[in-house]
Amino acid sequence: MGRSKHDEFTVRDNRIARYAKALAHPARVAILRFLINKRSCVCGDIVDELPLAQSTVSQHLKELKAAGLIQGEIEGTTVCYCIDPKAWAMAEQCLGDLLKSFIDGGSCCAPAKPTIATKR
């Protein structure tokens, strides 16, 4: 099988893309906000907070964990989740650097002002 297209980009760009994918669904953003506000490991409470089925919440948690933004520990038959502080700091740095790298010097894509044609 051929080389993955991911190999064509920097590690940092792949990391940013992984974070962006994880943040690309409002349910995952809501889960992150919930975990941030709780500031502790959360097990079943996440399902109670969202208008989603338990299986759907589990899929979103899986995506967030794959991106490295959260960590989970198995405690008996449940898994407790919390923000991964080191990964969160890395995401903040990567995304922040990307967003701060743009310096607004006027848009090259701004629509041109219509000109009024005059007859001679």
PDB file of N, CA and C in Angstrom:
ATOM      1  N   MET A   1       0.844  -1.170   0.000  1.00  0.00           N
ATOM      2  CA  MET A   1       0.000   0.000   0.000  1.00  0.00           C
ATOM      3  C   MET A   1       0.895   1.241   0.000  1.00  0.00           C
ATOM      4  N   GLY A   2       0.448   2.306  -0.641  1.00  0.00           N
ATOM      5  CA  GLY A   2       1.230   3.529  -0.761  1.00  0.00           C
ATOM      6  C   GLY A   2       1.319   4.299   0.546  1.00  0.00           C
ATOM      7  N   ARG A   3       2.210   5.249   0.505  1.00  0.00           N
ATOM      8  CA  ARG A   3       2.410   6.110   1.664  1.00  0.00           C
ATOM      9  C   ARG A   3       1.167   6.952   1.937  1.00  0.00           C
ATOM     10  N   SER A   4       0.879   7.171   3.184  1.00  0.00           N
ATOM     11  CA  SER A   4      -0.279   7.980   3.566  1.00  0.00           C
ATOM     12  C   SER A   4      -0.030   9.442   3.219  1.00  0.00           C
ATOM     13  N   LYS A   5      -1.063  10.132   2.814  1.00  0.00           N
ATOM     14  CA  LYS A   5      -0.940  11.565   2.528  1.00  0.00           C
ATOM     15  C   LYS A   5      -0.559  12.343   3.778  1.00  0.00           C
ATOM     16  N   HIS A   6      -0.883  11.798   4.953  1.00  0.00           N
ATOM     17  CA  HIS A   6      -0.506  12.468   6.197  1.00  0.00           C
ATOM     18  C   HIS A   6       1.006  12.628   6.291  1.00  0.00           C
ATOM     19  N   ASP A   7       1.741  11.711   5.674  1.00  0.00           N
ATOM     20  CA  ASP A   7       3.201  11.759   5.711  1.00  0.00           C
ATOM     21  C   ASP A   7       3.753  12.947   4.932  1.00  0.00           C
ATOM     22  N   GLU A   8       2.939  13.524   4.079  1.00  0.00           N
ATOM     23  CA  GLU A   8       3.375  14.652   3.255  1.00  0.00           C
ATOM     24  C   GLU A   8       3.384  15.967   4.040  1.00  0.00           C
ATOM     25  N   PHE A   9       2.810  15.964   5.240  1.00  0.00           N
ATOM     26  CA  PHE A   9       2.678  17.175   6.033  1.00  0.00           C
ATOM     27  C   PHE A   9       3.480  17.054   7.314  1.00  0.00           C
ATOM     28  N   THR A  10       3.721  18.188   7.963  1.00  0.00           N
ATOM     29  CA  THR A  10       4.516  18.175   9.184  1.00  0.00           C
ATOM     30  C   THR A  10       3.750  17.503  10.321  1.00  0.00           C
ATOM     31  N   VAL A  11       4.491  17.075  11.306  1.00  0.00           N
ATOM     32  CA  VAL A  11       3.888  16.482  12.504  1.00  0.00           C
ATOM     33  C   VAL A  11       2.941  17.498  13.137  1.00  0.00           C
ATOM     34  N   ARG A  12       3.371  18.748  13.191  1.00  0.00           N
ATOM     35  CA  ARG A  12       2.560  19.803  13.799  1.00  0.00           C
ATOM     36  C   ARG A  12       1.256  20.016  13.019  1.00  0.00           C
ATOM     37  N   ASP A  13       1.321  20.025  11.696  1.00  0.00           N
ATOM     38  CA  ASP A  13       0.113  20.194  10.882  1.00  0.00           C
ATOM     39  C   ASP A  13      -0.845  19.020  11.065  1.00  0.00           C
ATOM     40  N   ASN A  14      -0.317  17.816  11.156  1.00  0.00           N
ATOM     41  CA  ASN A  14      -1.162  16.645  11.407  1.00  0.00           C
ATOM     42  C   ASN A  14      -1.805  16.724  12.795  1.00  0.00           C
ATOM     43  N   ARG A  15      -1.049  17.220  13.762  1.00  0.00           N
ATOM     44  CA  ARG A  15      -1.581  17.372  15.112  1.00  0.00           C
ATOM     45  C   ARG A  15      -2.720  18.392  15.124  1.00  0.00           C
ATOM     46  N   ILE A  16      -2.513  19.532  14.463  1.00  0.00           N
ATOM     47  CA  ILE A  16      -3.555  20.556  14.386  1.00  0.00           C
ATOM     48  C   ILE A  16      -4.809  19.990  13.722  1.00  0.00           C
ATOM     49  N   ALA A  17      -4.625  19.232  12.651  1.00  0.00           N
ATOM     50  CA  ALA A  17      -5.766  18.635  11.954  1.00  0.00           C
ATOM     51  C   ALA A  17      -6.515  17.667  12.860  1.00  0.00           C
ATOM     52  N   ARG A  18      -5.788  16.905  13.665  1.00  0.00           N
ATOM     53  CA  ARG A  18      -6.416  15.958  14.595  1.00  0.00           C
ATOM     54  C   ARG A  18      -7.239  16.719  15.643  1.00  0.00           C
ATOM     55  N   TYR A  19      -6.691  17.832  16.169  1.00  0.00           N
ATOM     56  CA  TYR A  19      -7.435  18.643  17.135  1.00  0.00           C
ATOM     57  C   TYR A  19      -8.669  19.259  16.474  1.00  0.00           C
ATOM     58  N   ALA A  20      -8.484  19.780  15.264  1.00  0.00           N
ATOM     59  CA  ALA A  20      -9.594  20.424  14.557  1.00  0.00           C
ATOM     60  C   ALA A  20     -10.716  19.420  14.303  1.00  0.00           C
ATOM     61  N   LYS A  21     -10.359  18.210  13.927  1.00  0.00           N
ATOM     62  CA  LYS A  21     -11.378  17.171  13.696  1.00  0.00           C
ATOM     63  C   LYS A  21     -12.136  16.874  14.986  1.00  0.00           C
ATOM     64  N   ALA A  22     -11.406  16.798  16.082  1.00  0.00           N
ATOM     65  CA  ALA A  22     -12.044  16.513  17.368  1.00  0.00           C
ATOM     66  C   ALA A  22     -12.975  17.648  17.788  1.00  0.00           C
ATOM     67  N   LEU A  23     -12.638  18.873  17.429  1.00  0.00           N
ATOM     68  CA  LEU A  23     -13.440  20.032  17.810  1.00  0.00           C
ATOM     69  C   LEU A  23     -14.551  20.340  16.813  1.00  0.00           C
ATOM     70  N   ALA A  24     -14.643  19.555  15.751  1.00  0.00           N
ATOM     71  CA  ALA A  24     -15.554  19.858  14.646  1.00  0.00           C
ATOM     72  C   ALA A  24     -17.000  19.445  14.876  1.00  0.00           C
ATOM     73  N   HIS A  25     -17.332  19.015  16.058  1.00  0.00           N
ATOM     74  CA  HIS A  25     -18.729  18.645  16.334  1.00  0.00           C
ATOM     75  C   HIS A  25     -19.162  19.324  17.628  1.00  0.00           C
ATOM     76  N   PRO A  26     -20.334  19.965  17.618  1.00  0.00           N
ATOM     77  CA  PRO A  26     -20.770  20.674  18.827  1.00  0.00           C
ATOM     78  C   PRO A  26     -20.929  19.783  20.059  1.00  0.00           C
ATOM     79  N   ALA A  27     -21.246  18.522  19.869  1.00  0.00           N
ATOM     80  CA  ALA A  27     -21.361  17.620  21.024  1.00  0.00           C
ATOM     81  C   ALA A  27     -20.005  17.430  21.690  1.00  0.00           C
ATOM     82  N   ARG A  28     -18.952  17.330  20.898  1.00  0.00           N
ATOM     83  CA  ARG A  28     -17.612  17.164  21.471  1.00  0.00           C
ATOM     84  C   ARG A  28     -17.166  18.434  22.181  1.00  0.00           C
ATOM     85  N   VAL A  29     -17.522  19.584  21.625  1.00  0.00           N
ATOM     86  CA  VAL A  29     -17.211  20.850  22.292  1.00  0.00           C
ATOM     87  C   VAL A  29     -17.958  20.916  23.624  1.00  0.00           C
ATOM     88  N   ALA A  30     -19.206  20.494  23.630  1.00  0.00           N
ATOM     89  CA  ALA A  30     -20.006  20.488  24.859  1.00  0.00           C
ATOM     90  C   ALA A  30     -19.402  19.535  25.894  1.00  0.00           C
ATOM     91  N   ILE A  31     -18.941  18.389  25.444  1.00  0.00           N
ATOM     92  CA  ILE A  31     -18.303  17.431  26.359  1.00  0.00           C
ATOM     93  C   ILE A  31     -17.056  18.054  26.966  1.00  0.00           C
ATOM     94  N   LEU A  32     -16.239  18.695  26.143  1.00  0.00           N
ATOM     95  CA  LEU A  32     -15.024  19.332  26.653  1.00  0.00           C
ATOM     96  C   LEU A  32     -15.361  20.425  27.664  1.00  0.00           C
ATOM     97  N   ARG A  33     -16.358  21.249  27.350  1.00  0.00           N
ATOM     98  CA  ARG A  33     -16.766  22.300  28.297  1.00  0.00           C
ATOM     99  C   ARG A  33     -17.213  21.679  29.628  1.00  0.00           C
ATOM    100  N   PHE A  34     -17.958  20.608  29.540  1.00  0.00           N
ATOM    101  CA  PHE A  34     -18.431  19.934  30.747  1.00  0.00           C
ATOM    102  C   PHE A  34     -17.256  19.427  31.579  1.00  0.00           C
ATOM    103  N   LEU A  35     -16.301  18.777  30.929  1.00  0.00           N
ATOM    104  CA  LEU A  35     -15.133  18.254  31.643  1.00  0.00           C
ATOM    105  C   LEU A  35     -14.283  19.379  32.223  1.00  0.00           C
ATOM    106  N   ILE A  36     -14.158  20.471  31.484  1.00  0.00           N
ATOM    107  CA  ILE A  36     -13.387  21.622  31.979  1.00  0.00           C
ATOM    108  C   ILE A  36     -14.043  22.188  33.237  1.00  0.00           C
ATOM    109  N   ASN A  37     -15.348  22.328  33.202  1.00  0.00           N
ATOM    110  CA  ASN A  37     -16.063  22.901  34.345  1.00  0.00           C
ATOM    111  C   ASN A  37     -16.068  21.984  35.554  1.00  0.00           C
ATOM    112  N   LYS A  38     -16.069  20.678  35.332  1.00  0.00           N
ATOM    113  CA  LYS A  38     -16.085  19.712  36.440  1.00  0.00           C
ATOM    114  C   LYS A  38     -14.735  19.664  37.141  1.00  0.00           C
ATOM    115  N   ARG A  39     -13.664  19.799  36.364  1.00  0.00           N
ATOM    116  CA  ARG A  39     -12.295  19.752  36.877  1.00  0.00           C
ATOM    117  C   ARG A  39     -12.008  18.467  37.665  1.00  0.00           C
ATOM    118  N   SER A  40     -12.650  17.391  37.252  1.00  0.00           N
ATOM    119  CA  SER A  40     -12.406  16.091  37.871  1.00  0.00           C
ATOM    120  C   SER A  40     -12.813  15.018  36.873  1.00  0.00           C
ATOM    121  N   CYS A  41     -12.504  13.786  37.199  1.00  0.00           N
ATOM    122  CA  CYS A  41     -12.913  12.689  36.320  1.00  0.00           C
ATOM    123  C   CYS A  41     -14.416  12.494  36.404  1.00  0.00           C
ATOM    124  N   VAL A  42     -15.003  12.266  35.246  1.00  0.00           N
ATOM    125  CA  VAL A  42     -16.449  12.131  35.149  1.00  0.00           C
ATOM    126  C   VAL A  42     -16.765  10.806  34.481  1.00  0.00           C
ATOM    127  N   CYS A  43     -17.704  10.081  35.050  1.00  0.00           N
ATOM    128  CA  CYS A  43     -18.099   8.801  34.450  1.00  0.00           C
ATOM    129  C   CYS A  43     -19.422   8.946  33.712  1.00  0.00           C
ATOM    130  N   GLY A  44     -20.520   8.587  34.330  1.00  0.00           N
ATOM    131  CA  GLY A  44     -21.814   8.579  33.671  1.00  0.00           C
ATOM    132  C   GLY A  44     -22.488   9.932  33.551  1.00  0.00           C
ATOM    133  N   ASP A  45     -21.976  10.949  34.236  1.00  0.00           N
ATOM    134  CA  ASP A  45     -22.624  12.261  34.247  1.00  0.00           C
ATOM    135  C   ASP A  45     -22.687  12.903  32.868  1.00  0.00           C
ATOM    136  N   ILE A  46     -21.791  12.585  31.996  1.00  0.00           N
ATOM    137  CA  ILE A  46     -21.736  13.217  30.676  1.00  0.00           C
ATOM    138  C   ILE A  46     -23.024  12.935  29.909  1.00  0.00           C
ATOM    139  N   VAL A  47     -23.483  11.715  29.958  1.00  0.00           N
ATOM    140  CA  VAL A  47     -24.705  11.343  29.241  1.00  0.00           C
ATOM    141  C   VAL A  47     -25.896  12.129  29.782  1.00  0.00           C
ATOM    142  N   ASP A  48     -25.927  12.370  31.088  1.00  0.00           N
ATOM    143  CA  ASP A  48     -27.031  13.116  31.697  1.00  0.00           C
ATOM    144  C   ASP A  48     -27.040  14.580  31.258  1.00  0.00           C
ATOM    145  N   GLU A  49     -25.912  15.096  30.838  1.00  0.00           N
ATOM    146  CA  GLU A  49     -25.790  16.509  30.478  1.00  0.00           C
ATOM    147  C   GLU A  49     -26.111  16.811  29.016  1.00  0.00           C
ATOM    148  N   LEU A  50     -26.090  15.801  28.168  1.00  0.00           N
ATOM    149  CA  LEU A  50     -26.274  16.019  26.734  1.00  0.00           C
ATOM    150  C   LEU A  50     -27.554  15.364  26.219  1.00  0.00           C
ATOM    151  N   PRO A  51     -28.146  15.949  25.191  1.00  0.00           N
ATOM    152  CA  PRO A  51     -29.368  15.365  24.618  1.00  0.00           C
ATOM    153  C   PRO A  51     -29.048  14.256  23.609  1.00  0.00           C
ATOM    154  N   LEU A  52     -28.155  13.365  24.012  1.00  0.00           N
ATOM    155  CA  LEU A  52     -27.704  12.295  23.118  1.00  0.00           C
ATOM    156  C   LEU A  52     -27.769  10.958  23.829  1.00  0.00           C
ATOM    157  N   ALA A  53     -27.869   9.910  23.048  1.00  0.00           N
ATOM    158  CA  ALA A  53     -27.862   8.551  23.595  1.00  0.00           C
ATOM    159  C   ALA A  53     -26.470   8.222  24.132  1.00  0.00           C
ATOM    160  N   GLN A  54     -26.435   7.289  25.053  1.00  0.00           N
ATOM    161  CA  GLN A  54     -25.171   6.886  25.664  1.00  0.00           C
ATOM    162  C   GLN A  54     -24.177   6.405  24.618  1.00  0.00           C
ATOM    163  N   SER A  55     -24.639   5.657  23.628  1.00  0.00           N
ATOM    164  CA  SER A  55     -23.739   5.139  22.599  1.00  0.00           C
ATOM    165  C   SER A  55     -23.145   6.276  21.761  1.00  0.00           C
ATOM    166  N   THR A  56     -23.939   7.323  21.510  1.00  0.00           N
ATOM    167  CA  THR A  56     -23.454   8.468  20.742  1.00  0.00           C
ATOM    168  C   THR A  56     -22.408   9.237  21.545  1.00  0.00           C
ATOM    169  N   VAL A  57     -22.667   9.429  22.826  1.00  0.00           N
ATOM    170  CA  VAL A  57     -21.698  10.100  23.695  1.00  0.00           C
ATOM    171  C   VAL A  57     -20.402   9.297  23.728  1.00  0.00           C
ATOM    172  N   SER A  58     -20.513   7.981  23.790  1.00  0.00           N
ATOM    173  CA  SER A  58     -19.319   7.125  23.797  1.00  0.00           C
ATOM    174  C   SER A  58     -18.486   7.312  22.536  1.00  0.00           C
ATOM    175  N   GLN A  59     -19.154   7.430  21.387  1.00  0.00           N
ATOM    176  CA  GLN A  59     -18.433   7.652  20.124  1.00  0.00           C
ATOM    177  C   GLN A  59     -17.705   8.991  20.147  1.00  0.00           C
ATOM    178  N   HIS A  60     -18.350  10.019  20.676  1.00  0.00           N
ATOM    179  CA  HIS A  60     -17.712  11.333  20.761  1.00  0.00           C
ATOM    180  C   HIS A  60     -16.526  11.302  21.732  1.00  0.00           C
ATOM    181  N   LEU A  61     -16.685  10.601  22.831  1.00  0.00           N
ATOM    182  CA  LEU A  61     -15.579  10.460  23.780  1.00  0.00           C
ATOM    183  C   LEU A  61     -14.403   9.733  23.133  1.00  0.00           C
ATOM    184  N   LYS A  62     -14.715   8.736  22.319  1.00  0.00           N
ATOM    185  CA  LYS A  62     -13.675   7.983  21.611  1.00  0.00           C
ATOM    186  C   LYS A  62     -12.884   8.914  20.692  1.00  0.00           C
ATOM    187  N   GLU A  63     -13.579   9.800  19.979  1.00  0.00           N
ATOM    188  CA  GLU A  63     -12.907  10.754  19.088  1.00  0.00           C
ATOM    189  C   GLU A  63     -12.022  11.724  19.872  1.00  0.00           C
ATOM    190  N   LEU A  64     -12.534  12.219  20.990  1.00  0.00           N
ATOM    191  CA  LEU A  64     -11.762  13.154  21.806  1.00  0.00           C
ATOM    192  C   LEU A  64     -10.527  12.471  22.395  1.00  0.00           C
ATOM    193  N   LYS A  65     -10.696  11.224  22.763  1.00  0.00           N
ATOM    194  CA  LYS A  65      -9.559  10.476  23.315  1.00  0.00           C
ATOM    195  C   LYS A  65      -8.536  10.171  22.215  1.00  0.00           C
ATOM    196  N   ALA A  66      -9.001   9.839  21.018  1.00  0.00           N
ATOM    197  CA  ALA A  66      -8.087   9.565  19.899  1.00  0.00           C
ATOM    198  C   ALA A  66      -7.269  10.809  19.546  1.00  0.00           C
ATOM    199  N   ALA A  67      -7.877  11.979  19.716  1.00  0.00           N
ATOM    200  CA  ALA A  67      -7.167  13.228  19.437  1.00  0.00           C
ATOM    201  C   ALA A  67      -6.215  13.588  20.569  1.00  0.00           C
ATOM    202  N   GLY A  68      -6.346  12.882  21.689  1.00  0.00           N
ATOM    203  CA  GLY A  68      -5.458  13.128  22.818  1.00  0.00           C
ATOM    204  C   GLY A  68      -5.922  14.225  23.752  1.00  0.00           C
ATOM    205  N   LEU A  69      -7.109  14.763  23.527  1.00  0.00           N
ATOM    206  CA  LEU A  69      -7.566  15.877  24.355  1.00  0.00           C
ATOM    207  C   LEU A  69      -8.076  15.442  25.722  1.00  0.00           C
ATOM    208  N   ILE A  70      -8.539  14.200  25.803  1.00  0.00           N
ATOM    209  CA  ILE A  70      -9.010  13.683  27.087  1.00  0.00           C
ATOM    210  C   ILE A  70      -8.315  12.360  27.373  1.00  0.00           C
ATOM    211  N   GLN A  71      -8.395  11.967  28.624  1.00  0.00           N
ATOM    212  CA  GLN A  71      -7.885  10.653  29.010  1.00  0.00           C
ATOM    213  C   GLN A  71      -8.981   9.944  29.785  1.00  0.00           C
ATOM    214  N   GLY A  72      -8.925   8.635  29.767  1.00  0.00           N
ATOM    215  CA  GLY A  72      -9.939   7.850  30.455  1.00  0.00           C
ATOM    216  C   GLY A  72      -9.314   6.708  31.217  1.00  0.00           C
ATOM    217  N   GLU A  73      -9.860   6.453  32.388  1.00  0.00           N
ATOM    218  CA  GLU A  73      -9.398   5.340  33.214  1.00  0.00           C
ATOM    219  C   GLU A  73     -10.557   4.393  33.472  1.00  0.00           C
ATOM    220  N   ILE A  74     -10.274   3.107  33.340  1.00  0.00           N
ATOM    221  CA  ILE A  74     -11.301   2.103  33.600  1.00  0.00           C
ATOM    222  C   ILE A  74     -11.375   1.867  35.100  1.00  0.00           C
ATOM    223  N   GLU A  75     -12.584   2.036  35.624  1.00  0.00           N
ATOM    224  CA  GLU A  75     -12.842   1.771  37.046  1.00  0.00           C
ATOM    225  C   GLU A  75     -13.999   0.786  37.118  1.00  0.00           C
ATOM    226  N   GLY A  76     -13.680  -0.463  37.274  1.00  0.00           N
ATOM    227  CA  GLY A  76     -14.712  -1.502  37.282  1.00  0.00           C
ATOM    228  C   GLY A  76     -15.326  -1.615  35.898  1.00  0.00           C
ATOM    229  N   THR A  77     -16.640  -1.393  35.812  1.00  0.00           N
ATOM    230  CA  THR A  77     -17.320  -1.492  34.515  1.00  0.00           C
ATOM    231  C   THR A  77     -17.495  -0.122  33.847  1.00  0.00           C
ATOM    232  N   THR A  78     -16.992   0.932  34.472  1.00  0.00           N
ATOM    233  CA  THR A  78     -17.140   2.267  33.900  1.00  0.00           C
ATOM    234  C   THR A  78     -15.784   2.855  33.519  1.00  0.00           C
ATOM    235  N   VAL A  79     -15.839   3.852  32.672  1.00  0.00           N
ATOM    236  CA  VAL A  79     -14.640   4.585  32.291  1.00  0.00           C
ATOM    237  C   VAL A  79     -14.855   6.032  32.700  1.00  0.00           C
ATOM    238  N   CYS A  80     -13.904   6.572  33.433  1.00  0.00           N
ATOM    239  CA  CYS A  80     -13.987   7.958  33.874  1.00  0.00           C
ATOM    240  C   CYS A  80     -13.075   8.806  33.006  1.00  0.00           C
ATOM    241  N   TYR A  81     -13.586   9.976  32.591  1.00  0.00           N
ATOM    242  CA  TYR A  81     -12.858  10.839  31.670  1.00  0.00           C
ATOM    243  C   TYR A  81     -12.528  12.179  32.302  1.00  0.00           C
ATOM    244  N   CYS A  82     -11.410  12.748  31.845  1.00  0.00           N
ATOM    245  CA  CYS A  82     -11.032  14.099  32.236  1.00  0.00           C
ATOM    246  C   CYS A  82     -10.122  14.675  31.140  1.00  0.00           C
ATOM    247  N   ILE A  83      -9.911  15.977  31.214  1.00  0.00           N
ATOM    248  CA  ILE A  83      -9.002  16.643  30.281  1.00  0.00           C
ATOM    249  C   ILE A  83      -7.591  16.139  30.550  1.00  0.00           C
ATOM    250  N   ASP A  84      -6.833  15.890  29.494  1.00  0.00           N
ATOM    251  CA  ASP A  84      -5.426  15.529  29.626  1.00  0.00           C
ATOM    252  C   ASP A  84      -4.638  16.836  29.625  1.00  0.00           C
ATOM    253  N   PRO A  85      -4.113  17.275  30.775  1.00  0.00           N
ATOM    254  CA  PRO A  85      -3.482  18.592  30.872  1.00  0.00           C
ATOM    255  C   PRO A  85      -2.314  18.814  29.902  1.00  0.00           C
ATOM    256  N   LYS A  86      -1.468  17.823  29.732  1.00  0.00           N
ATOM    257  CA  LYS A  86      -0.320  17.984  28.823  1.00  0.00           C
ATOM    258  C   LYS A  86      -0.781  18.100  27.374  1.00  0.00           C
ATOM    259  N   ALA A  87      -1.722  17.255  26.983  1.00  0.00           N
ATOM    260  CA  ALA A  87      -2.228  17.298  25.611  1.00  0.00           C
ATOM    261  C   ALA A  87      -3.009  18.592  25.376  1.00  0.00           C
ATOM    262  N   TRP A  88      -3.731  19.042  26.398  1.00  0.00           N
ATOM    263  CA  TRP A  88      -4.501  20.282  26.278  1.00  0.00           C
ATOM    264  C   TRP A  88      -3.555  21.465  26.042  1.00  0.00           C
ATOM    265  N   ALA A  89      -2.449  21.489  26.780  1.00  0.00           N
ATOM    266  CA  ALA A  89      -1.464  22.568  26.617  1.00  0.00           C
ATOM    267  C   ALA A  89      -0.863  22.530  25.209  1.00  0.00           C
ATOM    268  N   MET A  90      -0.617  21.340  24.693  1.00  0.00           N
ATOM    269  CA  MET A  90      -0.079  21.204  23.338  1.00  0.00           C
ATOM    270  C   MET A  90      -1.094  21.692  22.312  1.00  0.00           C
ATOM    271  N   ALA A  91      -2.358  21.331  22.491  1.00  0.00           N
ATOM    272  CA  ALA A  91      -3.409  21.774  21.570  1.00  0.00           C
ATOM    273  C   ALA A  91      -3.536  23.290  21.610  1.00  0.00           C
ATOM    274  N   GLU A  92      -3.502  23.847  22.802  1.00  0.00           N
ATOM    275  CA  GLU A  92      -3.594  25.301  22.953  1.00  0.00           C
ATOM    276  C   GLU A  92      -2.435  25.989  22.226  1.00  0.00           C
ATOM    277  N   GLN A  93      -1.256  25.447  22.359  1.00  0.00           N
ATOM    278  CA  GLN A  93      -0.076  26.023  21.715  1.00  0.00           C
ATOM    279  C   GLN A  93      -0.178  25.915  20.190  1.00  0.00           C
ATOM    280  N   CYS A  94      -0.489  24.732  19.696  1.00  0.00           N
ATOM    281  CA  CYS A  94      -0.561  24.508  18.245  1.00  0.00           C
ATOM    282  C   CYS A  94      -1.644  25.355  17.580  1.00  0.00           C
ATOM    283  N   LEU A  95      -2.845  25.289  18.147  1.00  0.00           N
ATOM    284  CA  LEU A  95      -3.956  26.049  17.570  1.00  0.00           C
ATOM    285  C   LEU A  95      -3.731  27.549  17.723  1.00  0.00           C
ATOM    286  N   GLY A  96      -3.202  27.954  18.871  1.00  0.00           N
ATOM    287  CA  GLY A  96      -2.925  29.368  19.106  1.00  0.00           C
ATOM    288  C   GLY A  96      -1.893  29.908  18.128  1.00  0.00           C
ATOM    289  N   ASP A  97      -0.827  29.145  17.918  1.00  0.00           N
ATOM    290  CA  ASP A  97       0.206  29.572  16.974  1.00  0.00           C
ATOM    291  C   ASP A  97      -0.358  29.749  15.571  1.00  0.00           C
ATOM    292  N   LEU A  98      -1.202  28.813  15.151  1.00  0.00           N
ATOM    293  CA  LEU A  98      -1.813  28.909  13.830  1.00  0.00           C
ATOM    294  C   LEU A  98      -2.696  30.153  13.735  1.00  0.00           C
ATOM    295  N   LEU A  99      -3.558  30.340  14.710  1.00  0.00           N
ATOM    296  CA  LEU A  99      -4.489  31.467  14.671  1.00  0.00           C
ATOM    297  C   LEU A  99      -3.775  32.811  14.798  1.00  0.00           C
ATOM    298  N   LYS A 100      -2.699  32.854  15.565  1.00  0.00           N
ATOM    299  CA  LYS A 100      -1.959  34.103  15.742  1.00  0.00           C
ATOM    300  C   LYS A 100      -1.058  34.426  14.558  1.00  0.00           C
ATOM    301  N   SER A 101      -0.810  33.448  13.692  1.00  0.00           N
ATOM    302  CA  SER A 101       0.123  33.659  12.584  1.00  0.00           C
ATOM    303  C   SER A 101      -0.443  34.570  11.494  1.00  0.00           C
ATOM    304  N   PHE A 102      -1.749  34.770  11.489  1.00  0.00           N
ATOM    305  CA  PHE A 102      -2.368  35.639  10.489  1.00  0.00           C
ATOM    306  C   PHE A 102      -2.259  37.089  10.931  1.00  0.00           C
ATOM    307  N   ILE A 103      -1.724  37.900  10.055  1.00  0.00           N
ATOM    308  CA  ILE A 103      -1.633  39.332  10.296  1.00  0.00           C
ATOM    309  C   ILE A 103      -2.493  40.008   9.244  1.00  0.00           C
ATOM    310  N   ASP A 104      -3.509  40.692   9.704  1.00  0.00           N
ATOM    311  CA  ASP A 104      -4.461  41.314   8.787  1.00  0.00           C
ATOM    312  C   ASP A 104      -3.831  42.539   8.139  1.00  0.00           C
ATOM    313  N   GLY A 105      -3.614  42.423   6.857  1.00  0.00           N
ATOM    314  CA  GLY A 105      -3.080  43.542   6.094  1.00  0.00           C
ATOM    315  C   GLY A 105      -4.064  43.946   5.011  1.00  0.00           C
ATOM    316  N   GLY A 106      -5.306  43.661   5.238  1.00  0.00           N
ATOM    317  CA  GLY A 106      -6.315  43.903   4.213  1.00  0.00           C
ATOM    318  C   GLY A 106      -6.474  42.629   3.408  1.00  0.00           C
ATOM    319  N   SER A 107      -7.665  42.336   3.061  1.00  0.00           N
ATOM    320  CA  SER A 107      -7.929  41.090   2.369  1.00  0.00           C
ATOM    321  C   SER A 107      -7.701  41.229   0.869  1.00  0.00           C
ATOM    322  N   CYS A 108      -7.002  40.283   0.321  1.00  0.00           N
ATOM    323  CA  CYS A 108      -6.825  40.259  -1.125  1.00  0.00           C
ATOM    324  C   CYS A 108      -8.088  39.743  -1.805  1.00  0.00           C
ATOM    325  N   CYS A 109      -8.971  39.161  -1.026  1.00  0.00           N
ATOM    326  CA  CYS A 109     -10.194  38.570  -1.576  1.00  0.00           C
ATOM    327  C   CYS A 109     -11.413  39.462  -1.370  1.00  0.00           C
ATOM    328  N   ALA A 110     -11.196  40.674  -0.859  1.00  0.00           N
ATOM    329  CA  ALA A 110     -12.332  41.571  -0.633  1.00  0.00           C
ATOM    330  C   ALA A 110     -12.937  41.932  -1.978  1.00  0.00           C
ATOM    331  N   PRO A 111     -14.260  41.929  -2.036  1.00  0.00           N
ATOM    332  CA  PRO A 111     -14.888  42.260  -3.314  1.00  0.00           C
ATOM    333  C   PRO A 111     -14.556  43.700  -3.707  1.00  0.00           C
ATOM    334  N   ALA A 112     -14.306  43.862  -4.972  1.00  0.00           N
ATOM    335  CA  ALA A 112     -13.999  45.192  -5.477  1.00  0.00           C
ATOM    336  C   ALA A 112     -15.251  46.043  -5.426  1.00  0.00           C
ATOM    337  N   LYS A 113     -15.057  47.315  -5.153  1.00  0.00           N
ATOM    338  CA  LYS A 113     -16.194  48.234  -5.142  1.00  0.00           C
ATOM    339  C   LYS A 113     -16.658  48.424  -6.572  1.00  0.00           C
ATOM    340  N   PRO A 114     -17.949  48.416  -6.773  1.00  0.00           N
ATOM    341  CA  PRO A 114     -18.437  48.586  -8.145  1.00  0.00           C
ATOM    342  C   PRO A 114     -18.111  49.996  -8.651  1.00  0.00           C
ATOM    343  N   THR A 115     -17.752  50.048  -9.875  1.00  0.00           N
ATOM    344  CA  THR A 115     -17.468  51.340 -10.480  1.00  0.00           C
ATOM    345  C   THR A 115     -18.685  51.780 -11.281  1.00  0.00           C
ATOM    346  N   ILE A 116     -18.885  53.050 -11.326  1.00  0.00           N
ATOM    347  CA  ILE A 116     -20.006  53.595 -12.075  1.00  0.00           C
ATOM    348  C   ILE A 116     -19.480  54.034 -13.432  1.00  0.00           C
ATOM    349  N   ALA A 117     -20.035  53.448 -14.452  1.00  0.00           N
ATOM    350  CA  ALA A 117     -19.608  53.805 -15.795  1.00  0.00           C
ATOM    351  C   ALA A 117     -20.274  55.118 -16.186  1.00  0.00           C
ATOM    352  N   THR A 118     -19.497  55.980 -16.754  1.00  0.00           N
ATOM    353  CA  THR A 118     -20.058  57.251 -17.226  1.00  0.00           C
ATOM    354  C   THR A 118     -19.973  57.292 -18.733  1.00  0.00           C
ATOM    355  N   LYS A 119     -20.980  57.899 -19.346  1.00  0.00           N
ATOM    356  CA  LYS A 119     -20.995  58.029 -20.802  1.00  0.00           C
ATOM    357  C   LYS A 119     -20.315  59.343 -21.170  1.00  0.00           C
ATOM    358  N   ARG A 120     -19.639  59.340 -22.255  1.00  0.00           N
ATOM    359  CA  ARG A 120     -19.002  60.560 -22.746  1.00  0.00           C
ATOM    360  C   ARG A 120     -19.780  61.120 -23.868  1.00  0.00           C
TER     361      ARG A 120
END
